[in-house]
Amino acid sequence: MSHPAARVLGMLELLQSHHRLTGAELARRLGVDGRTVRRYAATLAELGIPVTAERGRHGGYRLRPGYKLPPLMLTDDEAVAVLLGLVAAERLGLGTEEPATATALAKIRRVLPPTLGDRLAAVQEHLGFTLRRSASPARPATGTLLTLGAAARQRRRVRLDHRSFSGAATRRELDPYGLVFHAGRWYVTGHDHLRGEVRTFRLDRIGEVEPGEETFTVPDGFDPVAQVTRSLARVPYAHDVEVLLETDLAAARRRLPPSVAELSATAGGVLLRARAEHLGGMAQLLAGLGCPFTVLRPDALRGEVAEHARRLAAWAAREPGDPTAPG
């Protein structure tokens, strides 16, 4: 860093990487004296970058949060991490309002050194994902996500407008215990004062959110991820299903995620509880578990399992070259 401008930018990079640095530490890292450090801080302030100096034993220099993000200086490794993170967020639907991820990617690409930019473009062009992209990702508003995150950290109740899957609008008070991203959607879970119980809500169905003054305490041992997956498994469908699996709980959990079914150890094996819109799909799921089972309810599921077994037997009996599929 022989050029003064390079050392000024170096000081900015150091302040971005550390919460606070003393004048002596900055001087040592930049290879200058304390008076020069003060001059560099003044130069950054003149450029609109909010550098503050704190006096005293524990004083030093730091960036004061301002109205806009100061210019970012990224190393090659940091640029790669940020860019790939944005690509993954876009693919998984992890972002909020749609333009934000694309515009952030474009801004970073514009300022990358040509060689690094070309290498990253090659990675992105040939990068594949095993997770399926959602056809229409449910993106929440950025303000909704940030407000609920702050309320969960501060343990403050919020008032929010919610629209159900059928379009019914309600005004609710919620103690937000945590946020969860699952299968391409954002959820908030917590105590819903309208129903008087713990509920889970999709963020893309939430409108205005107003932080309140009331505080709350999260129950000991509460797990937001487990709560969301359990609540999704209990979403109402056409059929309530109960099946006794002749296996142990650990093996059943390896095959069935919590969002598909509730599993509990019981006499003779594992009790599976789930809801299904179509029993044919449930029959296929049970057949793929690889363990004996007994259908407890509904009776119609036994018929679907028998029909699925008949189809499998017919397919197994087909000879090579048979052009017709069994009915």
Protein backbone atom coordinates (compact mmCIF):
# COMPACT_ATOMS: atom_id res chain seq x y z
CA MET A 1 0.00 0.00 0.00
CA SER A 2 2.50 2.62 -1.15
CA HIS A 3 -0.07 5.07 -2.54
CA PRO A 4 -2.02 7.20 0.00
CA ALA A 5 -5.35 6.51 -1.76
CA ALA A 6 -4.71 2.78 -1.48
CA ARG A 7 -4.07 3.14 2.24
CA VAL A 8 -7.31 5.13 2.69
CA LEU A 9 -9.21 2.34 0.96
CA GLY A 10 -7.28 -0.18 3.04
CA MET A 11 -8.46 1.58 6.18
CA LEU A 12 -12.05 1.36 4.92
CA GLU A 13 -11.66 -2.36 4.32
CA LEU A 14 -10.26 -2.88 7.82
CA LEU A 15 -13.16 -0.96 9.39
CA GLN A 16 -15.66 -3.01 7.41
CA SER A 17 -14.08 -6.20 8.68
CA HIS A 18 -13.89 -5.19 12.37
CA HIS A 19 -16.39 -3.66 14.75
CA ARG A 20 -13.75 -1.29 16.16
CA LEU A 21 -9.99 -0.78 15.79
CA THR A 22 -7.71 1.44 17.82
CA GLY A 23 -5.63 4.13 16.15
CA ALA A 24 -2.46 2.25 17.06
CA GLU A 25 -3.75 -0.97 15.48
CA LEU A 26 -4.78 0.84 12.29
CA ALA A 27 -1.42 2.60 12.12
CA ARG A 28 0.42 -0.72 12.50
CA ARG A 29 -1.62 -2.47 9.81
CA LEU A 30 -1.40 0.42 7.36
CA GLY A 31 2.25 1.21 8.03
CA VAL A 32 1.65 4.85 9.01
CA ASP A 33 1.62 6.93 12.19
CA GLY A 34 -1.36 7.93 14.35
CA ARG A 35 -1.61 11.41 12.85
CA THR A 36 -1.94 9.93 9.36
CA VAL A 37 -4.68 7.59 10.57
CA ARG A 38 -6.63 10.63 11.80
CA ARG A 39 -6.17 12.26 8.40
CA TYR A 40 -7.41 9.14 6.61
CA ALA A 41 -10.48 9.05 8.86
CA ALA A 42 -11.20 12.69 7.95
CA THR A 43 -10.83 11.84 4.26
CA LEU A 44 -13.34 9.00 4.53
CA ALA A 45 -15.76 11.29 6.36
CA GLU A 46 -15.43 13.87 3.56
CA LEU A 47 -16.40 11.13 1.08
CA GLY A 48 -19.62 10.56 3.02
CA ILE A 49 -18.48 7.40 4.77
CA PRO A 50 -19.56 7.64 8.43
CA VAL A 51 -16.34 6.99 10.36
CA THR A 52 -16.50 7.90 14.05
CA ALA A 53 -13.59 8.28 16.49
CA GLU A 54 -14.11 7.35 20.14
CA ARG A 55 -11.73 8.66 22.80
CA GLY A 56 -10.64 6.92 25.96
CA ARG A 57 -9.02 3.67 26.99
CA HIS A 58 -11.39 1.54 24.95
CA GLY A 59 -11.82 4.03 22.15
CA GLY A 60 -10.89 3.71 18.52
CA TYR A 61 -12.37 4.02 15.07
CA ARG A 62 -15.48 2.36 13.69
CA LEU A 63 -18.06 2.74 10.95
CA ARG A 64 -21.26 4.33 12.20
CA PRO A 65 -24.41 2.82 10.68
CA GLY A 66 -25.64 5.40 8.20
CA TYR A 67 -28.57 5.90 5.90
CA LYS A 68 -26.92 3.90 3.14
CA LEU A 69 -24.43 1.07 2.94
CA PRO A 70 -20.86 2.35 2.55
CA PRO A 71 -18.88 1.11 -0.47
CA LEU A 72 -18.04 -2.54 -0.01
CA MET A 73 -14.53 -3.83 -0.63
CA LEU A 74 -14.47 -7.58 -1.15
CA THR A 75 -11.55 -9.91 -1.56
CA ASP A 76 -11.75 -12.50 -4.34
CA ASP A 77 -12.82 -15.18 -1.86
CA GLU A 78 -15.51 -12.90 -0.39
CA ALA A 79 -16.82 -11.98 -3.84
CA VAL A 80 -17.11 -15.66 -4.77
CA ALA A 81 -18.95 -16.43 -1.52
CA VAL A 82 -21.41 -13.55 -2.00
CA LEU A 83 -22.10 -14.30 -5.65
CA LEU A 84 -22.63 -18.03 -5.13
CA GLY A 85 -24.82 -17.27 -2.12
CA LEU A 86 -27.04 -15.04 -4.25
CA VAL A 87 -27.22 -17.66 -7.00
CA ALA A 88 -28.27 -20.31 -4.47
CA ALA A 89 -30.82 -17.96 -2.88
CA GLU A 90 -32.38 -17.27 -6.26
CA ARG A 91 -32.51 -20.97 -7.11
CA LEU A 92 -34.03 -22.02 -3.78
CA GLY A 93 -36.51 -19.14 -3.60
CA LEU A 94 -34.81 -17.90 -0.44
CA GLY A 95 -34.95 -14.25 -1.52
CA THR A 96 -37.70 -11.78 -0.79
CA GLU A 97 -39.06 -9.40 -3.42
CA GLU A 98 -38.06 -10.75 -6.83
CA PRO A 99 -35.90 -7.94 -8.33
CA ALA A 100 -33.58 -7.69 -5.32
CA THR A 101 -31.52 -10.83 -5.93
CA ALA A 102 -31.15 -10.21 -9.66
CA THR A 103 -30.11 -6.58 -9.25
CA ALA A 104 -27.61 -7.46 -6.50
CA LEU A 105 -26.07 -10.10 -8.76
CA ALA A 106 -25.81 -7.61 -11.61
CA LYS A 107 -24.12 -4.98 -9.42
CA ILE A 108 -21.48 -7.40 -8.15
CA ARG A 109 -20.77 -8.76 -11.64
CA ARG A 110 -20.21 -5.23 -12.98
CA VAL A 111 -17.39 -4.48 -10.54
CA LEU A 112 -15.60 -7.84 -10.57
CA PRO A 113 -12.13 -7.99 -12.15
CA PRO A 114 -12.53 -9.43 -15.68
CA THR A 115 -10.60 -12.62 -14.98
CA LEU A 116 -12.52 -13.42 -11.78
CA GLY A 117 -15.81 -12.44 -13.44
CA ASP A 118 -15.19 -14.85 -16.33
CA ARG A 119 -14.29 -17.70 -13.98
CA LEU A 120 -17.39 -17.15 -11.84
CA ALA A 121 -19.58 -16.93 -14.96
CA ALA A 122 -18.20 -20.32 -16.06
CA VAL A 123 -19.12 -21.83 -12.68
CA GLN A 124 -22.63 -20.34 -12.78
CA GLU A 125 -23.26 -21.51 -16.35
CA HIS A 126 -22.37 -25.10 -15.46
CA LEU A 127 -23.78 -25.22 -11.94
CA GLY A 128 -26.54 -27.76 -11.38
CA PHE A 129 -28.91 -28.17 -8.42
CA THR A 130 -30.45 -31.39 -7.16
CA LEU A 131 -33.32 -29.43 -5.57
CA ARG A 132 -36.18 -28.63 -7.91
CA ARG A 133 -36.87 -24.97 -8.59
CA SER A 134 -40.33 -23.83 -7.55
CA ALA A 135 -42.44 -22.80 -10.55
CA SER A 136 -43.81 -19.79 -8.68
CA PRO A 137 -41.79 -19.16 -5.49
CA ALA A 138 -43.77 -17.51 -2.72
CA ARG A 139 -41.68 -14.44 -1.97
CA PRO A 140 -42.55 -12.37 1.10
CA ALA A 141 -42.08 -8.62 1.28
CA THR A 142 -38.64 -7.65 2.59
CA GLY A 143 -40.20 -5.40 5.22
CA THR A 144 -42.37 -8.25 6.50
CA LEU A 145 -39.37 -10.55 6.92
CA LEU A 146 -37.20 -7.92 8.64
CA THR A 147 -39.97 -6.70 10.97
CA LEU A 148 -40.83 -10.23 12.11
CA GLY A 149 -37.15 -11.07 12.57
CA ALA A 150 -36.63 -8.01 14.77
CA ALA A 151 -39.78 -8.78 16.79
CA ALA A 152 -38.64 -12.39 17.35
CA ARG A 153 -35.23 -11.18 18.60
CA GLN A 154 -36.72 -8.50 20.87
CA ARG A 155 -39.55 -10.80 22.04
CA ARG A 156 -42.19 -8.21 21.06
CA ARG A 157 -45.75 -8.97 20.03
CA VAL A 158 -46.85 -7.84 16.57
CA ARG A 159 -50.18 -7.05 14.95
CA LEU A 160 -50.53 -8.30 11.42
CA ASP A 161 -52.98 -8.67 8.56
CA HIS A 162 -53.31 -12.25 7.36
CA ARG A 163 -55.01 -13.74 4.31
CA SER A 164 -55.89 -17.44 4.44
CA PHE A 165 -55.61 -19.86 1.50
CA SER A 166 -59.33 -19.24 0.82
CA GLY A 167 -58.85 -15.46 0.79
CA ALA A 168 -60.39 -14.72 4.21
CA ALA A 169 -58.71 -11.69 5.83
CA THR A 170 -58.13 -11.41 9.58
CA ARG A 171 -56.30 -9.07 11.95
CA ARG A 172 -54.16 -10.96 14.44
CA GLU A 173 -51.81 -10.47 17.36
CA LEU A 174 -48.84 -12.82 17.27
CA ASP A 175 -45.89 -13.58 19.54
CA PRO A 176 -43.32 -14.57 16.87
CA TYR A 177 -41.15 -17.37 18.25
CA GLY A 178 -39.12 -17.94 15.08
CA LEU A 179 -38.83 -17.84 11.29
CA VAL A 180 -38.41 -20.94 9.12
CA PHE A 181 -37.64 -21.39 5.43
CA HIS A 182 -39.06 -24.70 4.20
CA ALA A 183 -39.62 -26.09 0.69
CA GLY A 184 -39.42 -22.72 -1.04
CA ARG A 185 -41.61 -20.79 1.42
CA TRP A 186 -41.04 -18.58 4.47
CA TYR A 187 -43.05 -19.24 7.66
CA VAL A 188 -43.40 -17.57 11.04
CA THR A 189 -44.53 -19.60 14.03
CA GLY A 190 -45.63 -18.41 17.45
CA HIS A 191 -48.54 -17.86 19.80
CA ASP A 192 -51.61 -16.58 17.95
CA HIS A 193 -53.80 -14.62 20.36
CA LEU A 194 -56.85 -14.87 18.10
CA ARG A 195 -56.92 -18.67 18.44
CA GLY A 196 -55.10 -18.88 21.77
CA GLU A 197 -52.60 -21.45 20.49
CA VAL A 198 -49.31 -21.83 18.64
CA ARG A 199 -49.91 -21.36 14.90
CA THR A 200 -47.84 -21.20 11.73
CA PHE A 201 -48.33 -18.59 8.98
CA ARG A 202 -46.84 -18.20 5.51
CA LEU A 203 -45.10 -14.84 5.16
CA ASP A 204 -46.35 -14.26 1.61
CA ARG A 205 -49.91 -14.26 3.02
CA ILE A 206 -49.09 -11.60 5.61
CA GLY A 207 -49.79 -7.95 4.83
CA GLU A 208 -48.99 -5.05 7.14
CA VAL A 209 -47.02 -5.88 10.30
CA GLU A 210 -46.96 -3.47 13.25
CA PRO A 211 -44.58 -4.05 16.18
CA GLY A 212 -46.24 -3.59 19.57
CA GLU A 213 -44.99 -2.82 23.06
CA GLU A 214 -46.10 -6.07 24.73
CA THR A 215 -43.33 -8.61 25.33
CA PHE A 216 -43.45 -12.38 25.62
CA THR A 217 -41.39 -15.38 26.67
CA VAL A 218 -40.65 -18.29 24.35
CA PRO A 219 -41.52 -21.65 25.95
CA ASP A 220 -38.48 -23.64 27.09
CA GLY A 221 -37.25 -26.03 24.44
CA PHE A 222 -39.44 -24.63 21.69
CA ASP A 223 -38.13 -25.65 18.23
CA PRO A 224 -39.51 -23.47 15.39
CA VAL A 225 -38.39 -25.91 12.66
CA ALA A 226 -40.06 -28.89 14.36
CA GLN A 227 -43.22 -26.86 14.95
CA VAL A 228 -43.49 -25.78 11.31
CA THR A 229 -42.91 -29.26 9.91
CA ARG A 230 -45.45 -30.74 12.34
CA SER A 231 -48.05 -28.13 11.45
CA LEU A 232 -47.56 -28.76 7.72
CA ALA A 233 -48.07 -32.48 8.28
CA ARG A 234 -51.42 -31.66 9.94
CA VAL A 235 -52.76 -29.52 7.09
CA PRO A 236 -56.37 -30.65 6.46
CA TYR A 237 -56.83 -32.96 3.47
CA ALA A 238 -59.61 -35.28 2.35
CA HIS A 239 -58.46 -38.34 4.32
CA ASP A 240 -57.09 -38.95 7.82
CA VAL A 241 -54.64 -41.83 7.70
CA GLU A 242 -53.33 -44.07 10.48
CA VAL A 243 -50.97 -46.95 9.73
CA LEU A 244 -48.96 -49.22 12.04
CA LEU A 245 -45.45 -49.70 10.68
CA GLU A 246 -43.52 -52.78 11.80
CA THR A 247 -40.19 -51.01 12.26
CA ASP A 248 -38.46 -48.82 14.81
CA LEU A 249 -38.82 -45.07 15.16
CA ALA A 250 -35.31 -44.21 13.97
CA ALA A 251 -35.72 -46.22 10.76
CA ALA A 252 -39.15 -44.69 10.08
CA ARG A 253 -37.80 -41.17 10.54
CA ARG A 254 -35.05 -41.84 8.03
CA ARG A 255 -37.69 -42.58 5.38
CA LEU A 256 -40.40 -40.09 6.32
CA PRO A 257 -39.73 -36.36 6.97
CA PRO A 258 -41.82 -34.61 9.66
CA SER A 259 -43.68 -32.58 7.03
CA VAL A 260 -45.12 -35.83 5.54
CA ALA A 261 -46.36 -37.62 8.63
CA GLU A 262 -46.36 -37.70 12.41
CA LEU A 263 -44.51 -40.71 13.79
CA SER A 264 -44.67 -42.08 17.33
CA ALA A 265 -43.42 -45.28 18.94
CA THR A 266 -46.18 -47.64 20.00
CA ALA A 267 -46.74 -51.30 20.85
CA GLY A 268 -45.79 -53.37 17.84
CA GLY A 269 -43.88 -50.67 15.97
CA VAL A 270 -44.45 -47.09 14.86
CA LEU A 271 -47.78 -45.32 14.50
CA LEU A 272 -47.95 -43.17 11.35
CA ARG A 273 -50.52 -40.39 11.30
CA ALA A 274 -50.98 -38.28 8.17
CA ARG A 275 -53.51 -36.58 5.95
CA ALA A 276 -53.84 -37.24 2.26
CA GLU A 277 -55.80 -35.74 -0.57
CA HIS A 278 -55.43 -38.87 -2.73
CA LEU A 279 -55.15 -42.34 -1.22
CA GLY A 280 -53.35 -43.69 -4.29
CA GLY A 281 -50.32 -41.59 -3.49
CA MET A 282 -50.38 -42.76 0.12
CA ALA A 283 -50.46 -46.39 -1.06
CA GLN A 284 -47.37 -45.79 -3.19
CA LEU A 285 -45.60 -44.13 -0.26
CA LEU A 286 -46.34 -47.06 2.05
CA ALA A 287 -45.18 -49.56 -0.54
CA GLY A 288 -41.85 -47.78 -0.82
CA LEU A 289 -41.06 -47.89 2.90
CA GLY A 290 -39.76 -51.43 2.76
CA CYS A 291 -41.38 -52.68 5.97
CA PRO A 292 -44.60 -54.58 6.79
CA PHE A 293 -47.54 -52.39 7.82
CA THR A 294 -51.18 -52.57 8.88
CA VAL A 295 -53.71 -49.99 7.68
CA LEU A 296 -55.79 -48.83 10.65
CA ARG A 297 -57.84 -46.24 8.75
CA PRO A 298 -59.41 -45.43 6.39
CA ASP A 299 -60.68 -48.73 5.03
CA ALA A 300 -60.47 -47.35 1.48
CA LEU A 301 -56.67 -47.22 1.82
CA ARG A 302 -56.55 -51.04 1.97
CA GLY A 303 -58.20 -51.15 -1.44
CA GLU A 304 -55.71 -48.65 -2.85
CA VAL A 305 -52.79 -50.67 -1.49
CA ALA A 306 -54.23 -53.86 -3.06
CA GLU A 307 -54.72 -52.06 -6.39
CA HIS A 308 -51.16 -50.77 -6.31
CA ALA A 309 -49.90 -54.29 -5.58
CA ARG A 310 -51.92 -55.61 -8.54
CA ARG A 311 -50.35 -53.04 -10.85
CA LEU A 312 -46.86 -53.90 -9.62
CA ALA A 313 -47.50 -57.63 -10.14
CA ALA A 314 -48.77 -57.00 -13.65
CA TRP A 315 -45.74 -54.87 -14.51
CA ALA A 316 -43.41 -57.52 -13.09
CA ALA A 317 -45.05 -60.14 -15.38
CA ARG A 318 -44.50 -58.13 -18.55
CA GLU A 319 -42.11 -59.59 -21.11
CA PRO A 320 -39.45 -57.50 -22.90
CA GLY A 321 -40.92 -55.83 -25.96
CA ASP A 322 -44.51 -55.82 -24.71
CA PRO A 323 -45.84 -52.52 -26.13
CA THR A 324 -48.86 -52.23 -23.89
CA ALA A 325 -48.98 -51.28 -20.25
CA PRO A 326 -51.33 -53.15 -17.92
CA GLY A 327 -54.55 -51.35 -17.03
